[in-house]
Amino acid sequence: PVLKKHALTLVLVAAILLLIALYLRPNVGLGLPTPPPTQPALSTLPIPKPETQNSKLGTETSPREVSTLADTLNSPSTDIRADLRLVSEIIDTFRTNFPSTGNPVGSNPEITAILTGKNKLRLALIPPDHPAINRTTGELCDRWGTPFYFHAESGTKMEIRSAGPDKKFHTPDDIIRSP
């Protein structure tokens, strides 16, 4: 009598458990073929590089994607104002890809590391081997070899300064890009 009274409930519970089992283990025991896993196109696969450890920036891996935005940075066919516009555009692109983060923050080497792929997406907006990056200090430099000075005016505005041809900051030949 008790079993008959709860038979409908037991059938419903059994059906729910069966559906859960099928959901968690699709195509098992049903004689259906399992679809092959999808593979990304070869052109989008990252080239694996050994991981390195940098005590300041944490574990780093090679970038997944490298942008061509910085191709003309410090090019003889452009000038310093074009360089500053380009660096500003690269920072804008970073903010677009990381809307909750805002500007990349830190010193020049820290900002350069972020822009070269040391970020959550491993998106390199500047190639890590770009000639504008000082190999010794990791700083992004202007066409005269002086590191750019980055000053975040807010979470979405970044002033970028070049020391100019005299390579000294806060002199009349400084070139500044303010948003």
N, C-alpha and C. Protein backbone atom coordinates (compact mmCIF):
# COMPACT_ATOMS: atom_id res chain seq x y z
N PRO A 1 0.82 -1.19 0.00
CA PRO A 1 0.00 0.00 0.00
C PRO A 1 0.87 1.27 0.00
N VAL A 2 1.90 1.31 0.78
CA VAL A 2 2.75 2.49 0.81
C VAL A 2 3.47 2.66 -0.53
N LEU A 3 3.91 1.55 -1.11
CA LEU A 3 4.61 1.59 -2.38
C LEU A 3 3.70 2.09 -3.49
N LYS A 4 2.46 1.63 -3.51
CA LYS A 4 1.52 2.08 -4.52
C LYS A 4 1.23 3.57 -4.36
N LYS A 5 1.20 4.01 -3.10
CA LYS A 5 0.88 5.41 -2.82
C LYS A 5 1.97 6.34 -3.36
N HIS A 6 3.21 5.88 -3.33
CA HIS A 6 4.34 6.73 -3.74
C HIS A 6 4.96 6.29 -5.07
N ALA A 7 4.30 5.44 -5.81
CA ALA A 7 4.83 4.91 -7.07
C ALA A 7 5.10 6.03 -8.07
N LEU A 8 4.17 6.97 -8.21
CA LEU A 8 4.35 8.07 -9.15
C LEU A 8 5.57 8.91 -8.76
N THR A 9 5.73 9.18 -7.48
CA THR A 9 6.88 9.96 -7.00
C THR A 9 8.18 9.21 -7.31
N LEU A 10 8.21 7.89 -7.08
CA LEU A 10 9.42 7.11 -7.34
C LEU A 10 9.75 7.09 -8.84
N VAL A 11 8.72 7.00 -9.69
CA VAL A 11 8.95 7.02 -11.13
C VAL A 11 9.52 8.36 -11.55
N LEU A 12 8.98 9.45 -11.01
CA LEU A 12 9.49 10.80 -11.34
C LEU A 12 10.93 10.98 -10.88
N VAL A 13 11.24 10.51 -9.68
CA VAL A 13 12.61 10.62 -9.16
C VAL A 13 13.56 9.81 -10.04
N ALA A 14 13.15 8.60 -10.42
CA ALA A 14 13.99 7.76 -11.28
C ALA A 14 14.21 8.43 -12.63
N ALA A 15 13.16 9.04 -13.19
CA ALA A 15 13.29 9.71 -14.48
C ALA A 15 14.24 10.90 -14.38
N ILE A 16 14.14 11.66 -13.31
CA ILE A 16 15.03 12.82 -13.12
C ILE A 16 16.47 12.35 -12.98
N LEU A 17 16.70 11.30 -12.22
CA LEU A 17 18.06 10.77 -12.05
C LEU A 17 18.62 10.27 -13.39
N LEU A 18 17.76 9.63 -14.18
CA LEU A 18 18.20 9.16 -15.49
C LEU A 18 18.59 10.34 -16.39
N LEU A 19 17.78 11.39 -16.37
CA LEU A 19 18.09 12.57 -17.18
C LEU A 19 19.39 13.23 -16.73
N ILE A 20 19.59 13.29 -15.44
CA ILE A 20 20.84 13.88 -14.91
C ILE A 20 22.03 13.04 -15.37
N ALA A 21 21.90 11.72 -15.27
CA ALA A 21 22.98 10.83 -15.70
C ALA A 21 23.27 11.00 -17.18
N LEU A 22 22.22 11.12 -17.98
CA LEU A 22 22.42 11.31 -19.42
C LEU A 22 23.04 12.65 -19.73
N TYR A 23 22.67 13.67 -18.97
CA TYR A 23 23.24 15.01 -19.18
C TYR A 23 24.73 15.01 -18.85
N LEU A 24 25.08 14.36 -17.75
CA LEU A 24 26.48 14.36 -17.33
C LEU A 24 27.34 13.42 -18.17
N ARG A 25 26.76 12.42 -18.77
CA ARG A 25 27.50 11.46 -19.58
C ARG A 25 26.80 11.29 -20.92
N PRO A 26 26.87 12.29 -21.79
CA PRO A 26 26.13 12.21 -23.06
C PRO A 26 26.63 11.08 -23.94
N ASN A 27 25.70 10.46 -24.63
CA ASN A 27 25.96 9.42 -25.63
C ASN A 27 26.53 8.12 -25.05
N VAL A 28 26.63 7.99 -23.74
CA VAL A 28 27.16 6.78 -23.15
C VAL A 28 26.06 5.74 -23.09
N GLY A 29 26.31 4.58 -23.63
CA GLY A 29 25.36 3.49 -23.54
C GLY A 29 24.17 3.61 -24.46
N LEU A 30 24.10 4.62 -25.30
CA LEU A 30 22.95 4.78 -26.18
C LEU A 30 23.28 4.35 -27.60
N GLY A 31 24.51 3.92 -27.83
CA GLY A 31 24.90 3.48 -29.16
C GLY A 31 25.09 4.64 -30.14
N LEU A 32 25.14 5.88 -29.63
CA LEU A 32 25.32 7.03 -30.50
C LEU A 32 26.82 7.34 -30.60
N PRO A 33 27.27 7.74 -31.77
CA PRO A 33 28.70 8.08 -31.89
C PRO A 33 29.01 9.37 -31.13
N THR A 34 30.18 9.41 -30.53
CA THR A 34 30.64 10.61 -29.84
C THR A 34 31.31 11.50 -30.87
N PRO A 35 30.88 12.77 -30.98
CA PRO A 35 31.51 13.65 -31.97
C PRO A 35 32.97 13.90 -31.60
N PRO A 36 33.84 14.02 -32.61
CA PRO A 36 35.25 14.29 -32.31
C PRO A 36 35.39 15.68 -31.73
N PRO A 37 36.40 15.89 -30.87
CA PRO A 37 36.60 17.23 -30.31
C PRO A 37 36.98 18.19 -31.43
N THR A 38 36.52 19.42 -31.29
CA THR A 38 36.85 20.42 -32.31
C THR A 38 38.24 20.95 -32.04
N GLN A 39 38.99 21.18 -33.10
CA GLN A 39 40.34 21.69 -33.00
C GLN A 39 40.39 23.08 -33.62
N PRO A 40 41.10 24.02 -33.00
CA PRO A 40 41.23 25.33 -33.64
C PRO A 40 42.06 25.21 -34.91
N ALA A 41 41.86 26.15 -35.79
CA ALA A 41 42.64 26.18 -37.02
C ALA A 41 44.12 26.32 -36.67
N LEU A 42 44.98 25.71 -37.47
CA LEU A 42 46.41 25.74 -37.19
C LEU A 42 46.96 27.15 -37.09
N SER A 43 46.40 28.08 -37.85
CA SER A 43 46.92 29.45 -37.83
C SER A 43 46.66 30.16 -36.51
N THR A 44 45.72 29.63 -35.69
CA THR A 44 45.44 30.31 -34.42
C THR A 44 46.12 29.63 -33.25
N LEU A 45 46.79 28.50 -33.49
CA LEU A 45 47.45 27.81 -32.39
C LEU A 45 48.69 28.59 -31.97
N PRO A 46 48.91 28.74 -30.64
CA PRO A 46 50.12 29.44 -30.19
C PRO A 46 51.34 28.57 -30.41
N ILE A 47 52.46 29.20 -30.62
CA ILE A 47 53.71 28.48 -30.70
C ILE A 47 54.22 28.34 -29.28
N PRO A 48 54.28 27.11 -28.77
CA PRO A 48 54.65 26.95 -27.36
C PRO A 48 56.09 27.35 -27.12
N LYS A 49 56.30 28.05 -26.03
CA LYS A 49 57.64 28.42 -25.59
C LYS A 49 57.74 28.01 -24.13
N PRO A 50 58.91 27.71 -23.65
CA PRO A 50 59.03 27.36 -22.25
C PRO A 50 58.65 28.54 -21.37
N GLU A 51 58.00 28.22 -20.25
CA GLU A 51 57.61 29.29 -19.34
C GLU A 51 58.83 29.77 -18.58
N THR A 52 58.82 31.06 -18.27
CA THR A 52 59.88 31.64 -17.47
C THR A 52 59.26 32.24 -16.23
N GLN A 53 60.07 32.52 -15.26
CA GLN A 53 59.58 33.12 -14.02
C GLN A 53 60.23 34.48 -13.85
N ASN A 54 59.41 35.50 -13.62
CA ASN A 54 59.90 36.84 -13.36
C ASN A 54 59.33 37.23 -12.01
N SER A 55 60.17 37.48 -11.02
CA SER A 55 59.68 37.71 -9.67
C SER A 55 58.76 38.92 -9.57
N LYS A 56 58.92 39.90 -10.44
CA LYS A 56 58.08 41.08 -10.35
C LYS A 56 56.72 40.90 -11.00
N LEU A 57 56.68 40.15 -12.10
CA LEU A 57 55.46 40.06 -12.89
C LEU A 57 54.75 38.72 -12.77
N GLY A 58 55.33 37.74 -12.07
CA GLY A 58 54.67 36.44 -11.95
C GLY A 58 55.03 35.55 -13.13
N THR A 59 54.33 34.44 -13.21
CA THR A 59 54.61 33.49 -14.27
C THR A 59 54.21 34.07 -15.61
N GLU A 60 55.06 33.91 -16.58
CA GLU A 60 54.81 34.47 -17.91
C GLU A 60 54.82 33.35 -18.93
N THR A 61 54.02 33.49 -19.94
CA THR A 61 54.04 32.57 -21.06
C THR A 61 54.06 33.38 -22.34
N SER A 62 54.31 32.70 -23.44
CA SER A 62 54.36 33.41 -24.71
C SER A 62 52.98 33.95 -25.06
N PRO A 63 52.92 35.06 -25.76
CA PRO A 63 51.62 35.62 -26.14
C PRO A 63 50.85 34.69 -27.06
N ARG A 64 49.52 34.70 -26.95
CA ARG A 64 48.67 33.93 -27.85
C ARG A 64 48.53 34.66 -29.17
N GLU A 65 48.34 35.96 -29.09
CA GLU A 65 48.14 36.76 -30.29
C GLU A 65 49.09 37.95 -30.24
N VAL A 66 49.63 38.30 -31.40
CA VAL A 66 50.50 39.47 -31.49
C VAL A 66 49.89 40.42 -32.51
N SER A 67 49.69 41.64 -32.07
CA SER A 67 49.09 42.67 -32.91
C SER A 67 50.13 43.28 -33.84
N THR A 68 49.65 43.90 -34.90
CA THR A 68 50.54 44.62 -35.81
C THR A 68 50.44 46.13 -35.59
N LEU A 69 49.74 46.55 -34.53
CA LEU A 69 49.56 47.98 -34.26
C LEU A 69 50.88 48.74 -34.17
N ALA A 70 51.88 48.13 -33.56
CA ALA A 70 53.14 48.84 -33.29
C ALA A 70 54.16 48.75 -34.42
N ASP A 71 53.76 48.24 -35.56
CA ASP A 71 54.71 48.04 -36.66
C ASP A 71 55.46 49.31 -37.06
N THR A 72 54.79 50.47 -37.02
CA THR A 72 55.45 51.71 -37.46
C THR A 72 56.01 52.54 -36.30
N LEU A 73 55.97 52.00 -35.09
CA LEU A 73 56.51 52.74 -33.93
C LEU A 73 58.00 53.00 -34.12
N ASN A 74 58.40 54.26 -34.00
CA ASN A 74 59.78 54.73 -34.16
C ASN A 74 60.32 54.53 -35.58
N SER A 75 59.42 54.42 -36.53
CA SER A 75 59.83 54.24 -37.92
C SER A 75 60.39 55.55 -38.48
N PRO A 76 61.42 55.47 -39.33
CA PRO A 76 61.95 56.69 -39.96
C PRO A 76 60.93 57.39 -40.85
N SER A 77 59.90 56.66 -41.27
CA SER A 77 58.89 57.28 -42.14
C SER A 77 57.83 58.07 -41.37
N THR A 78 57.91 58.07 -40.04
CA THR A 78 56.96 58.83 -39.22
C THR A 78 57.73 59.77 -38.31
N ASP A 79 57.00 60.49 -37.44
CA ASP A 79 57.66 61.38 -36.49
C ASP A 79 57.21 61.03 -35.07
N ILE A 80 57.74 61.74 -34.09
CA ILE A 80 57.47 61.45 -32.69
C ILE A 80 55.98 61.64 -32.36
N ARG A 81 55.34 62.61 -32.98
CA ARG A 81 53.90 62.81 -32.72
C ARG A 81 53.10 61.60 -33.19
N ALA A 82 53.47 61.03 -34.33
CA ALA A 82 52.81 59.81 -34.80
C ALA A 82 53.09 58.65 -33.85
N ASP A 83 54.31 58.60 -33.31
CA ASP A 83 54.65 57.56 -32.33
C ASP A 83 53.77 57.68 -31.09
N LEU A 84 53.63 58.90 -30.59
CA LEU A 84 52.80 59.10 -29.39
C LEU A 84 51.33 58.75 -29.66
N ARG A 85 50.83 59.14 -30.84
CA ARG A 85 49.46 58.76 -31.21
C ARG A 85 49.33 57.24 -31.24
N LEU A 86 50.32 56.59 -31.79
CA LEU A 86 50.31 55.13 -31.90
C LEU A 86 50.32 54.46 -30.52
N VAL A 87 51.18 54.92 -29.63
CA VAL A 87 51.23 54.35 -28.28
C VAL A 87 49.90 54.61 -27.57
N SER A 88 49.33 55.78 -27.77
CA SER A 88 48.02 56.09 -27.19
C SER A 88 46.94 55.15 -27.75
N GLU A 89 47.00 54.88 -29.05
CA GLU A 89 46.05 53.95 -29.67
C GLU A 89 46.21 52.53 -29.12
N ILE A 90 47.44 52.13 -28.87
CA ILE A 90 47.71 50.81 -28.30
C ILE A 90 47.11 50.72 -26.90
N ILE A 91 47.26 51.77 -26.11
CA ILE A 91 46.67 51.78 -24.76
C ILE A 91 45.14 51.79 -24.85
N ASP A 92 44.59 52.53 -25.81
CA ASP A 92 43.13 52.50 -26.02
C ASP A 92 42.67 51.09 -26.37
N THR A 93 43.43 50.41 -27.21
CA THR A 93 43.08 49.04 -27.60
C THR A 93 43.15 48.11 -26.39
N PHE A 94 44.14 48.33 -25.53
CA PHE A 94 44.21 47.54 -24.30
C PHE A 94 42.94 47.73 -23.48
N ARG A 95 42.54 48.99 -23.30
CA ARG A 95 41.32 49.27 -22.51
C ARG A 95 40.09 48.63 -23.15
N THR A 96 40.03 48.59 -24.47
CA THR A 96 38.91 47.95 -25.16
C THR A 96 38.86 46.45 -24.88
N ASN A 97 40.03 45.81 -24.83
CA ASN A 97 40.10 44.38 -24.57
C ASN A 97 39.98 44.02 -23.09
N PHE A 98 40.22 44.99 -22.23
CA PHE A 98 40.13 44.79 -20.78
C PHE A 98 39.27 45.91 -20.18
N PRO A 99 37.96 45.94 -20.51
CA PRO A 99 37.13 47.07 -20.11
C PRO A 99 37.01 47.27 -18.59
N SER A 100 37.13 46.22 -17.81
CA SER A 100 37.02 46.39 -16.36
C SER A 100 38.34 46.79 -15.72
N THR A 101 39.43 46.75 -16.48
CA THR A 101 40.75 47.07 -15.95
C THR A 101 41.11 48.54 -16.09
N GLY A 102 40.73 49.15 -17.19
CA GLY A 102 41.14 50.54 -17.45
C GLY A 102 42.54 50.57 -18.01
N ASN A 103 43.29 51.61 -17.71
CA ASN A 103 44.66 51.74 -18.20
C ASN A 103 45.54 50.63 -17.64
N PRO A 104 46.56 50.23 -18.39
CA PRO A 104 47.58 49.39 -17.76
C PRO A 104 48.29 50.25 -16.72
N VAL A 105 48.65 49.69 -15.61
CA VAL A 105 49.23 50.49 -14.52
C VAL A 105 50.63 50.01 -14.19
N GLY A 106 51.38 50.92 -13.58
CA GLY A 106 52.71 50.60 -13.11
C GLY A 106 53.75 51.49 -13.75
N SER A 107 54.99 51.08 -13.60
CA SER A 107 56.12 51.80 -14.19
C SER A 107 56.19 51.45 -15.68
N ASN A 108 57.07 52.10 -16.40
CA ASN A 108 57.22 51.82 -17.83
C ASN A 108 57.47 50.33 -18.09
N PRO A 109 58.41 49.67 -17.37
CA PRO A 109 58.62 48.24 -17.66
C PRO A 109 57.38 47.39 -17.37
N GLU A 110 56.62 47.75 -16.34
CA GLU A 110 55.40 46.99 -16.00
C GLU A 110 54.33 47.19 -17.08
N ILE A 111 54.15 48.42 -17.53
CA ILE A 111 53.18 48.71 -18.58
C ILE A 111 53.61 48.04 -19.88
N THR A 112 54.90 48.10 -20.19
CA THR A 112 55.42 47.46 -21.40
C THR A 112 55.18 45.95 -21.34
N ALA A 113 55.42 45.34 -20.19
CA ALA A 113 55.19 43.90 -20.04
C ALA A 113 53.72 43.56 -20.30
N ILE A 114 52.82 44.36 -19.78
CA ILE A 114 51.38 44.13 -19.98
C ILE A 114 51.05 44.24 -21.46
N LEU A 115 51.59 45.26 -22.12
CA LEU A 115 51.28 45.49 -23.53
C LEU A 115 51.95 44.48 -24.46
N THR A 116 52.97 43.77 -23.97
CA THR A 116 53.64 42.75 -24.79
C THR A 116 53.13 41.34 -24.51
N GLY A 117 52.02 41.24 -23.78
CA GLY A 117 51.39 39.93 -23.61
C GLY A 117 51.37 39.36 -22.22
N LYS A 118 51.93 40.04 -21.24
CA LYS A 118 51.89 39.56 -19.86
C LYS A 118 50.57 40.01 -19.23
N ASN A 119 49.46 39.53 -19.79
CA ASN A 119 48.12 39.88 -19.31
C ASN A 119 47.25 38.63 -19.38
N LYS A 120 46.04 38.72 -18.83
CA LYS A 120 45.17 37.54 -18.75
C LYS A 120 44.89 36.90 -20.09
N LEU A 121 44.76 37.67 -21.13
CA LEU A 121 44.47 37.14 -22.46
C LEU A 121 45.74 36.77 -23.24
N ARG A 122 46.90 37.11 -22.68
CA ARG A 122 48.19 36.95 -23.36
C ARG A 122 48.15 37.61 -24.73
N LEU A 123 47.52 38.77 -24.77
CA LEU A 123 47.39 39.55 -25.99
C LEU A 123 48.55 40.53 -26.07
N ALA A 124 49.40 40.36 -27.07
CA ALA A 124 50.56 41.23 -27.26
C ALA A 124 50.19 42.33 -28.24
N LEU A 125 49.90 43.51 -27.72
CA LEU A 125 49.60 44.66 -28.57
C LEU A 125 50.88 45.25 -29.14
N ILE A 126 52.00 44.97 -28.50
CA ILE A 126 53.33 45.31 -29.00
C ILE A 126 54.11 44.00 -28.99
N PRO A 127 54.74 43.63 -30.10
CA PRO A 127 55.52 42.38 -30.10
C PRO A 127 56.62 42.44 -29.03
N PRO A 128 56.81 41.38 -28.27
CA PRO A 128 57.82 41.39 -27.20
C PRO A 128 59.24 41.68 -27.70
N ASP A 129 59.50 41.42 -28.99
CA ASP A 129 60.83 41.66 -29.53
C ASP A 129 60.91 42.95 -30.36
N HIS A 130 59.94 43.85 -30.15
CA HIS A 130 59.92 45.11 -30.91
C HIS A 130 61.19 45.91 -30.62
N PRO A 131 61.79 46.53 -31.65
CA PRO A 131 63.03 47.29 -31.44
C PRO A 131 62.88 48.50 -30.51
N ALA A 132 61.66 48.96 -30.26
CA ALA A 132 61.46 50.10 -29.36
C ALA A 132 61.55 49.70 -27.89
N ILE A 133 61.69 48.41 -27.62
CA ILE A 133 61.79 47.95 -26.23
C ILE A 133 63.26 47.74 -25.88
N ASN A 134 63.71 48.40 -24.83
CA ASN A 134 65.08 48.25 -24.34
C ASN A 134 65.21 46.85 -23.75
N ARG A 135 66.08 46.03 -24.31
CA ARG A 135 66.24 44.63 -23.87
C ARG A 135 66.75 44.51 -22.45
N THR A 136 67.51 45.49 -21.99
CA THR A 136 68.08 45.43 -20.65
C THR A 136 67.06 45.82 -19.58
N THR A 137 66.30 46.89 -19.82
CA THR A 137 65.40 47.41 -18.79
C THR A 137 63.94 47.00 -19.01
N GLY A 138 63.61 46.54 -20.23
CA GLY A 138 62.22 46.18 -20.52
C GLY A 138 61.32 47.38 -20.72
N GLU A 139 61.91 48.55 -20.98
CA GLU A 139 61.13 49.78 -21.14
C GLU A 139 60.84 50.06 -22.60
N LEU A 140 59.64 50.60 -22.85
CA LEU A 140 59.27 51.07 -24.17
C LEU A 140 59.89 52.45 -24.36
N CYS A 141 60.67 52.61 -25.43
CA CYS A 141 61.46 53.83 -25.61
C CYS A 141 61.03 54.61 -26.85
N ASP A 142 61.32 55.91 -26.81
CA ASP A 142 61.03 56.76 -27.97
C ASP A 142 62.12 56.58 -29.02
N ARG A 143 62.03 57.32 -30.08
CA ARG A 143 62.96 57.16 -31.20
C ARG A 143 64.39 57.56 -30.86
N TRP A 144 64.60 58.22 -29.72
CA TRP A 144 65.96 58.60 -29.30
C TRP A 144 66.49 57.65 -28.23
N GLY A 145 65.73 56.59 -27.94
CA GLY A 145 66.17 55.59 -26.96
C GLY A 145 65.84 55.91 -25.52
N THR A 146 65.07 56.97 -25.29
CA THR A 146 64.69 57.34 -23.93
C THR A 146 63.34 56.71 -23.59
N PRO A 147 63.21 56.10 -22.41
CA PRO A 147 61.93 55.49 -22.06
C PRO A 147 60.80 56.52 -22.03
N PHE A 148 59.64 56.13 -22.56
CA PHE A 148 58.46 56.99 -22.46
C PHE A 148 58.09 57.12 -20.99
N TYR A 149 57.49 58.24 -20.66
CA TYR A 149 56.95 58.43 -19.31
C TYR A 149 55.44 58.34 -19.42
N PHE A 150 54.84 57.43 -18.63
CA PHE A 150 53.39 57.24 -18.61
C PHE A 150 52.82 57.81 -17.33
N HIS A 151 51.80 58.64 -17.48
CA HIS A 151 51.12 59.21 -16.31
C HIS A 151 49.61 59.01 -16.49
N ALA A 152 49.04 58.16 -15.65
CA ALA A 152 47.59 57.92 -15.72
C ALA A 152 46.87 59.11 -15.10
N GLU A 153 46.12 59.83 -15.92
CA GLU A 153 45.33 60.96 -15.44
C GLU A 153 44.04 60.48 -14.80
N SER A 154 43.58 59.32 -15.24
CA SER A 154 42.40 58.67 -14.66
C SER A 154 42.47 57.21 -15.09
N GLY A 155 41.43 56.45 -14.80
CA GLY A 155 41.40 55.05 -15.21
C GLY A 155 41.32 54.86 -16.70
N THR A 156 40.93 55.92 -17.42
CA THR A 156 40.78 55.80 -18.87
C THR A 156 41.56 56.86 -19.65
N LYS A 157 42.35 57.66 -18.97
CA LYS A 157 43.15 58.68 -19.65
C LYS A 157 44.61 58.53 -19.25
N MET A 158 45.48 58.48 -20.27
CA MET A 158 46.90 58.30 -20.03
C MET A 158 47.69 59.36 -20.78
N GLU A 159 48.49 60.13 -20.04
CA GLU A 159 49.42 61.06 -20.67
C GLU A 159 50.70 60.29 -20.99
N ILE A 160 51.22 60.50 -22.19
CA ILE A 160 52.45 59.83 -22.62
C ILE A 160 53.44 60.93 -23.00
N ARG A 161 54.65 60.85 -22.45
CA ARG A 161 55.64 61.90 -22.67
C ARG A 161 56.93 61.31 -23.22
N SER A 162 57.47 62.00 -24.23
CA SER A 162 58.80 61.71 -24.75
C SER A 162 59.71 62.85 -24.30
N ALA A 163 60.92 62.51 -23.91
CA ALA A 163 61.88 63.54 -23.48
C ALA A 163 62.40 64.36 -24.66
N GLY A 164 62.14 63.89 -25.88
CA GLY A 164 62.57 64.64 -27.05
C GLY A 164 64.03 64.38 -27.39
N PRO A 165 64.53 65.10 -28.40
CA PRO A 165 65.90 64.85 -28.89
C PRO A 165 66.99 65.08 -27.85
N ASP A 166 66.74 65.97 -26.85
CA ASP A 166 67.80 66.20 -25.85
C ASP A 166 67.84 65.11 -24.79
N LYS A 167 66.87 64.18 -24.81
CA LYS A 167 66.79 63.02 -23.91
C LYS A 167 66.66 63.40 -22.44
N LYS A 168 66.18 64.64 -22.17
CA LYS A 168 65.99 65.10 -20.79
C LYS A 168 64.53 65.49 -20.62
N PHE A 169 63.91 64.96 -19.57
CA PHE A 169 62.52 65.29 -19.31
C PHE A 169 62.38 66.70 -18.75
N HIS A 170 61.21 67.28 -19.00
CA HIS A 170 60.82 68.60 -18.50
C HIS A 170 61.71 69.72 -19.04
N THR A 171 62.03 69.60 -20.33
CA THR A 171 62.73 70.66 -21.04
C THR A 171 61.83 71.07 -22.21
N PRO A 172 62.11 72.20 -22.85
CA PRO A 172 61.21 72.70 -23.91
C PRO A 172 60.97 71.75 -25.09
N ASP A 173 61.87 70.79 -25.32
CA ASP A 173 61.65 69.92 -26.49
C ASP A 173 60.86 68.66 -26.17
N ASP A 174 60.34 68.51 -24.95
CA ASP A 174 59.49 67.36 -24.62
C ASP A 174 58.26 67.36 -25.52
N ILE A 175 57.81 66.18 -25.89
CA ILE A 175 56.59 66.05 -26.67
C ILE A 175 55.62 65.24 -25.82
N ILE A 176 54.41 65.76 -25.66
CA ILE A 176 53.42 65.16 -24.76
C ILE A 176 52.15 64.84 -25.52
N ARG A 177 51.59 63.67 -25.24
CA ARG A 177 50.29 63.30 -25.79
C ARG A 177 49.35 63.13 -24.60
N SER A 178 48.38 64.05 -24.51
CA SER A 178 47.37 63.97 -23.47
C SER A 178 46.02 63.71 -24.13
N PRO A 179 45.23 62.82 -23.55
CA PRO A 179 43.91 62.55 -24.12
C PRO A 179 42.98 63.73 -24.00
